[in-house]
Amino acid sequence: MAATSVDGYLRALPEAQRAALEKLRKTIRAAAPEATEAISYQMPAFKMHGRFLVSYAAFKDHCSLFPASYAVMETLGEELKPYFSGRGTLRFTPEKPIPPALVKKIVKMRLEETAAAGRR
């Protein structure tokens, strides 16, 4: 059954993945305190003024962060390389999470992108 809330999504996960994603969620929220949370495409997502910011999810052997931005992937390429897993997907494990400082950089870039898109 698909989760209807972020808390419900996280509650359904195994302990290690839940802890890793709760830490990620807290880091994203700290970087974008005004953002709202929602379930989008059956995974937790953050939105700013109705615009998609980032989402994240747990899978069988890993977790992922989806910045959904070619510019972010391009600009932070070298820093993201250890986590890069195809078009717009960053993979990590609970044992080797994406460093919070890097997550904050990603979120700040996405905030700038969504603000610019809103001004167009």
N, C-alpha and C. Protein backbone atom coordinates (compact mmCIF):
# COMPACT_ATOMS: atom_id res chain seq x y z
N MET A 1 0.83 -1.18 0.00
CA MET A 1 0.00 0.00 0.00
C MET A 1 0.89 1.26 0.00
N ALA A 2 0.55 2.21 -0.80
CA ALA A 2 1.34 3.43 -0.92
C ALA A 2 1.13 4.33 0.30
N ALA A 3 2.20 4.96 0.73
CA ALA A 3 2.13 5.87 1.87
C ALA A 3 1.36 7.13 1.50
N THR A 4 0.63 7.65 2.45
CA THR A 4 -0.14 8.87 2.21
C THR A 4 0.51 10.07 2.92
N SER A 5 1.52 9.80 3.75
CA SER A 5 2.24 10.87 4.44
C SER A 5 3.72 10.51 4.53
N VAL A 6 4.54 11.53 4.72
CA VAL A 6 5.98 11.29 4.86
C VAL A 6 6.25 10.45 6.10
N ASP A 7 5.58 10.78 7.20
CA ASP A 7 5.77 10.00 8.42
C ASP A 7 5.37 8.54 8.20
N GLY A 8 4.27 8.31 7.50
CA GLY A 8 3.82 6.95 7.20
C GLY A 8 4.84 6.21 6.34
N TYR A 9 5.39 6.89 5.36
CA TYR A 9 6.42 6.30 4.49
C TYR A 9 7.61 5.87 5.34
N LEU A 10 8.10 6.77 6.19
CA LEU A 10 9.28 6.48 7.00
C LEU A 10 9.01 5.38 8.02
N ARG A 11 7.81 5.37 8.61
CA ARG A 11 7.45 4.33 9.60
C ARG A 11 7.51 2.94 9.00
N ALA A 12 7.24 2.82 7.72
CA ALA A 12 7.19 1.50 7.08
C ALA A 12 8.56 0.94 6.72
N LEU A 13 9.61 1.72 6.91
CA LEU A 13 10.95 1.28 6.50
C LEU A 13 11.67 0.50 7.59
N PRO A 14 12.64 -0.34 7.17
CA PRO A 14 13.51 -0.99 8.16
C PRO A 14 14.30 0.09 8.92
N GLU A 15 14.69 -0.21 10.13
CA GLU A 15 15.32 0.76 11.04
C GLU A 15 16.48 1.55 10.43
N ALA A 16 17.44 0.87 9.80
CA ALA A 16 18.63 1.57 9.27
C ALA A 16 18.24 2.58 8.19
N GLN A 17 17.36 2.18 7.29
CA GLN A 17 16.93 3.10 6.23
C GLN A 17 16.12 4.25 6.81
N ARG A 18 15.25 3.94 7.76
CA ARG A 18 14.44 4.99 8.38
C ARG A 18 15.34 6.03 9.04
N ALA A 19 16.33 5.57 9.80
CA ALA A 19 17.24 6.50 10.50
C ALA A 19 18.01 7.35 9.48
N ALA A 20 18.48 6.74 8.40
CA ALA A 20 19.24 7.48 7.38
C ALA A 20 18.36 8.52 6.70
N LEU A 21 17.12 8.15 6.37
CA LEU A 21 16.24 9.09 5.68
C LEU A 21 15.70 10.16 6.62
N GLU A 22 15.55 9.84 7.90
CA GLU A 22 15.11 10.86 8.85
C GLU A 22 16.21 11.92 9.02
N LYS A 23 17.47 11.48 9.02
CA LYS A 23 18.59 12.41 9.09
C LYS A 23 18.62 13.29 7.84
N LEU A 24 18.43 12.67 6.68
CA LEU A 24 18.40 13.40 5.42
C LEU A 24 17.25 14.42 5.43
N ARG A 25 16.09 13.98 5.88
CA ARG A 25 14.91 14.86 5.96
C ARG A 25 15.20 16.09 6.82
N LYS A 26 15.85 15.85 7.97
CA LYS A 26 16.18 16.93 8.90
C LYS A 26 17.17 17.91 8.25
N THR A 27 18.13 17.39 7.50
CA THR A 27 19.13 18.23 6.82
C THR A 27 18.46 19.07 5.74
N ILE A 28 17.56 18.46 4.97
CA ILE A 28 16.84 19.20 3.92
C ILE A 28 15.99 20.29 4.56
N ARG A 29 15.29 19.93 5.62
CA ARG A 29 14.42 20.90 6.30
C ARG A 29 15.23 22.06 6.85
N ALA A 30 16.43 21.79 7.37
CA ALA A 30 17.29 22.86 7.89
C ALA A 30 17.73 23.79 6.77
N ALA A 31 17.98 23.24 5.59
CA ALA A 31 18.43 24.05 4.45
C ALA A 31 17.27 24.79 3.79
N ALA A 32 16.08 24.27 3.92
CA ALA A 32 14.90 24.88 3.29
C ALA A 32 13.73 24.89 4.28
N PRO A 33 13.85 25.68 5.36
CA PRO A 33 12.83 25.65 6.41
C PRO A 33 11.42 26.04 5.94
N GLU A 34 11.33 26.79 4.86
CA GLU A 34 10.01 27.23 4.36
C GLU A 34 9.35 26.19 3.45
N ALA A 35 10.12 25.19 3.04
CA ALA A 35 9.60 24.19 2.11
C ALA A 35 8.52 23.33 2.78
N THR A 36 7.62 22.81 1.96
CA THR A 36 6.57 21.93 2.46
C THR A 36 6.88 20.50 2.03
N GLU A 37 6.40 19.56 2.82
CA GLU A 37 6.62 18.15 2.52
C GLU A 37 5.36 17.55 1.93
N ALA A 38 5.57 16.59 1.04
CA ALA A 38 4.45 15.89 0.41
C ALA A 38 4.94 14.53 -0.05
N ILE A 39 3.99 13.70 -0.43
CA ILE A 39 4.33 12.45 -1.10
C ILE A 39 4.12 12.73 -2.59
N SER A 40 5.17 12.51 -3.37
CA SER A 40 5.11 12.74 -4.81
C SER A 40 5.73 11.54 -5.51
N TYR A 41 5.02 10.95 -6.44
CA TYR A 41 5.49 9.71 -7.11
C TYR A 41 5.80 8.63 -6.07
N GLN A 42 4.97 8.48 -5.08
CA GLN A 42 5.08 7.50 -3.99
C GLN A 42 6.33 7.64 -3.14
N MET A 43 6.93 8.84 -3.11
CA MET A 43 8.09 9.05 -2.25
C MET A 43 8.04 10.43 -1.60
N PRO A 44 8.71 10.58 -0.46
CA PRO A 44 8.75 11.87 0.21
C PRO A 44 9.41 12.92 -0.68
N ALA A 45 8.83 14.12 -0.69
CA ALA A 45 9.37 15.21 -1.49
C ALA A 45 9.23 16.52 -0.72
N PHE A 46 10.07 17.46 -1.08
CA PHE A 46 9.97 18.82 -0.56
C PHE A 46 9.63 19.72 -1.73
N LYS A 47 8.74 20.67 -1.47
CA LYS A 47 8.33 21.63 -2.49
C LYS A 47 8.45 23.03 -1.93
N MET A 48 8.72 23.96 -2.81
CA MET A 48 8.82 25.36 -2.42
C MET A 48 7.86 26.15 -3.28
N HIS A 49 6.88 26.79 -2.66
CA HIS A 49 5.85 27.54 -3.39
C HIS A 49 5.21 26.67 -4.47
N GLY A 50 4.97 25.41 -4.12
CA GLY A 50 4.33 24.49 -5.05
C GLY A 50 5.25 23.87 -6.08
N ARG A 51 6.51 24.31 -6.12
CA ARG A 51 7.46 23.77 -7.09
C ARG A 51 8.33 22.70 -6.44
N PHE A 52 8.57 21.62 -7.19
CA PHE A 52 9.38 20.51 -6.72
C PHE A 52 10.79 20.98 -6.37
N LEU A 53 11.29 20.55 -5.21
CA LEU A 53 12.64 20.87 -4.78
C LEU A 53 13.53 19.63 -4.87
N VAL A 54 13.29 18.66 -4.00
CA VAL A 54 14.01 17.38 -4.01
C VAL A 54 13.06 16.31 -3.48
N SER A 55 13.41 15.05 -3.79
CA SER A 55 12.69 13.93 -3.16
C SER A 55 13.73 12.89 -2.77
N TYR A 56 13.29 11.94 -1.99
CA TYR A 56 14.19 10.88 -1.54
C TYR A 56 13.38 9.61 -1.34
N ALA A 57 14.07 8.48 -1.32
CA ALA A 57 13.35 7.21 -1.18
C ALA A 57 14.30 6.11 -0.72
N ALA A 58 13.70 5.04 -0.24
CA ALA A 58 14.45 3.85 0.17
C ALA A 58 14.14 2.73 -0.81
N PHE A 59 15.15 1.98 -1.16
CA PHE A 59 15.01 0.82 -2.04
C PHE A 59 15.63 -0.38 -1.33
N LYS A 60 15.58 -1.53 -1.96
CA LYS A 60 16.03 -2.76 -1.32
C LYS A 60 17.46 -2.65 -0.77
N ASP A 61 18.43 -2.22 -1.60
CA ASP A 61 19.84 -2.20 -1.16
C ASP A 61 20.42 -0.81 -0.96
N HIS A 62 19.62 0.24 -1.12
CA HIS A 62 20.17 1.59 -1.02
C HIS A 62 19.06 2.61 -0.80
N CYS A 63 19.48 3.84 -0.60
CA CYS A 63 18.55 4.97 -0.53
C CYS A 63 18.94 5.92 -1.66
N SER A 64 18.03 6.79 -2.05
CA SER A 64 18.34 7.74 -3.12
C SER A 64 17.84 9.13 -2.77
N LEU A 65 18.56 10.10 -3.30
CA LEU A 65 18.14 11.51 -3.24
C LEU A 65 18.00 11.94 -4.69
N PHE A 66 16.89 12.60 -5.00
CA PHE A 66 16.60 13.02 -6.36
C PHE A 66 16.55 14.55 -6.42
N PRO A 67 17.65 15.19 -6.84
CA PRO A 67 17.64 16.65 -6.95
C PRO A 67 16.85 17.13 -8.17
N ALA A 68 16.62 16.24 -9.14
CA ALA A 68 15.85 16.58 -10.33
C ALA A 68 16.37 17.85 -11.00
N SER A 69 17.67 17.94 -11.13
CA SER A 69 18.26 19.13 -11.72
C SER A 69 19.56 18.80 -12.43
N TYR A 70 19.55 19.00 -13.72
CA TYR A 70 20.77 18.79 -14.50
C TYR A 70 21.84 19.77 -14.04
N ALA A 71 21.47 21.01 -13.76
CA ALA A 71 22.43 22.04 -13.35
C ALA A 71 23.12 21.65 -12.04
N VAL A 72 22.39 21.11 -11.09
CA VAL A 72 22.99 20.68 -9.82
C VAL A 72 23.99 19.57 -10.09
N MET A 73 23.59 18.59 -10.89
CA MET A 73 24.46 17.45 -11.17
C MET A 73 25.73 17.92 -11.89
N GLU A 74 25.57 18.86 -12.80
CA GLU A 74 26.69 19.39 -13.56
C GLU A 74 27.61 20.24 -12.67
N THR A 75 27.05 21.16 -11.91
CA THR A 75 27.84 22.08 -11.08
C THR A 75 28.59 21.35 -9.97
N LEU A 76 27.93 20.40 -9.33
CA LEU A 76 28.55 19.69 -8.20
C LEU A 76 29.10 18.33 -8.62
N GLY A 77 29.32 18.15 -9.91
CA GLY A 77 29.73 16.86 -10.47
C GLY A 77 30.77 16.07 -9.69
N GLU A 78 31.92 16.69 -9.43
CA GLU A 78 32.99 15.96 -8.74
C GLU A 78 32.57 15.55 -7.33
N GLU A 79 31.90 16.45 -6.61
CA GLU A 79 31.47 16.14 -5.25
C GLU A 79 30.41 15.04 -5.23
N LEU A 80 29.60 14.99 -6.29
CA LEU A 80 28.50 14.02 -6.35
C LEU A 80 28.92 12.67 -6.92
N LYS A 81 30.08 12.64 -7.56
CA LYS A 81 30.53 11.43 -8.27
C LYS A 81 30.39 10.14 -7.46
N PRO A 82 30.79 10.12 -6.18
CA PRO A 82 30.66 8.86 -5.42
C PRO A 82 29.21 8.38 -5.25
N TYR A 83 28.24 9.28 -5.45
CA TYR A 83 26.83 8.95 -5.23
C TYR A 83 26.04 8.87 -6.53
N PHE A 84 26.65 9.33 -7.61
CA PHE A 84 25.94 9.43 -8.88
C PHE A 84 25.51 8.06 -9.39
N SER A 85 24.27 7.97 -9.83
CA SER A 85 23.75 6.68 -10.26
C SER A 85 22.78 6.87 -11.43
N GLY A 86 23.19 7.61 -12.41
CA GLY A 86 22.30 7.80 -13.55
C GLY A 86 21.63 9.15 -13.51
N ARG A 87 20.79 9.38 -14.47
CA ARG A 87 20.15 10.69 -14.65
C ARG A 87 19.45 11.22 -13.40
N GLY A 88 20.09 12.15 -12.74
CA GLY A 88 19.43 12.84 -11.64
C GLY A 88 19.24 12.04 -10.37
N THR A 89 19.94 10.93 -10.23
CA THR A 89 19.78 10.10 -9.03
C THR A 89 21.09 10.01 -8.26
N LEU A 90 21.01 10.24 -6.96
CA LEU A 90 22.16 10.07 -6.08
C LEU A 90 21.84 8.92 -5.15
N ARG A 91 22.70 7.91 -5.16
CA ARG A 91 22.50 6.73 -4.31
C ARG A 91 23.43 6.74 -3.13
N PHE A 92 22.94 6.24 -2.02
CA PHE A 92 23.77 6.11 -0.83
C PHE A 92 23.22 4.98 0.03
N THR A 93 23.99 4.58 1.01
CA THR A 93 23.53 3.55 1.94
C THR A 93 23.45 4.17 3.33
N PRO A 94 22.69 3.56 4.23
CA PRO A 94 22.64 4.09 5.60
C PRO A 94 24.05 4.18 6.22
N GLU A 95 24.93 3.26 5.84
CA GLU A 95 26.29 3.25 6.39
C GLU A 95 27.16 4.35 5.80
N LYS A 96 26.85 4.76 4.57
CA LYS A 96 27.65 5.80 3.89
C LYS A 96 26.72 6.85 3.31
N PRO A 97 26.14 7.69 4.18
CA PRO A 97 25.19 8.71 3.70
C PRO A 97 25.89 9.85 2.95
N ILE A 98 25.12 10.61 2.23
CA ILE A 98 25.65 11.81 1.59
C ILE A 98 25.92 12.80 2.72
N PRO A 99 27.11 13.42 2.75
CA PRO A 99 27.42 14.35 3.85
C PRO A 99 26.39 15.49 3.93
N PRO A 100 25.95 15.85 5.14
CA PRO A 100 24.97 16.91 5.29
C PRO A 100 25.35 18.22 4.59
N ALA A 101 26.63 18.59 4.62
CA ALA A 101 27.06 19.83 3.96
C ALA A 101 26.78 19.78 2.46
N LEU A 102 26.96 18.61 1.86
CA LEU A 102 26.69 18.45 0.43
C LEU A 102 25.19 18.48 0.15
N VAL A 103 24.41 17.85 1.01
CA VAL A 103 22.95 17.89 0.88
C VAL A 103 22.47 19.34 0.94
N LYS A 104 23.01 20.10 1.89
CA LYS A 104 22.61 21.51 2.03
C LYS A 104 22.97 22.30 0.76
N LYS A 105 24.13 22.02 0.18
CA LYS A 105 24.54 22.69 -1.06
C LYS A 105 23.54 22.39 -2.18
N ILE A 106 23.15 21.12 -2.28
CA ILE A 106 22.18 20.70 -3.31
C ILE A 106 20.86 21.44 -3.12
N VAL A 107 20.38 21.46 -1.88
CA VAL A 107 19.09 22.09 -1.59
C VAL A 107 19.16 23.59 -1.86
N LYS A 108 20.25 24.24 -1.46
CA LYS A 108 20.39 25.68 -1.70
C LYS A 108 20.37 25.96 -3.21
N MET A 109 21.04 25.13 -4.00
CA MET A 109 21.02 25.32 -5.45
C MET A 109 19.61 25.14 -6.01
N ARG A 110 18.91 24.15 -5.51
CA ARG A 110 17.54 23.90 -5.97
C ARG A 110 16.62 25.06 -5.57
N LEU A 111 16.84 25.64 -4.39
CA LEU A 111 16.05 26.80 -3.97
C LEU A 111 16.26 27.96 -4.94
N GLU A 112 17.52 28.18 -5.32
CA GLU A 112 17.83 29.25 -6.27
C GLU A 112 17.17 28.97 -7.63
N GLU A 113 17.24 27.71 -8.06
CA GLU A 113 16.63 27.34 -9.36
C GLU A 113 15.12 27.53 -9.35
N THR A 114 14.46 27.09 -8.28
CA THR A 114 13.01 27.21 -8.26
C THR A 114 12.58 28.67 -8.14
N ALA A 115 13.36 29.47 -7.41
CA ALA A 115 13.06 30.90 -7.29
C ALA A 115 13.20 31.57 -8.67
N ALA A 116 14.25 31.22 -9.39
CA ALA A 116 14.47 31.79 -10.73
C ALA A 116 13.35 31.37 -11.67
N ALA A 117 12.93 30.11 -11.57
CA ALA A 117 11.84 29.61 -12.43
C ALA A 117 10.53 30.33 -12.12
N GLY A 118 10.34 30.66 -10.84
CA GLY A 118 9.13 31.36 -10.42
C GLY A 118 9.09 32.80 -10.91
N ARG A 119 10.28 33.38 -11.12
CA ARG A 119 10.35 34.77 -11.60
C ARG A 119 10.11 34.88 -13.10
N ARG A 120 10.26 33.75 -13.81
CA ARG A 120 10.11 33.78 -15.27
C ARG A 120 8.69 34.07 -15.68
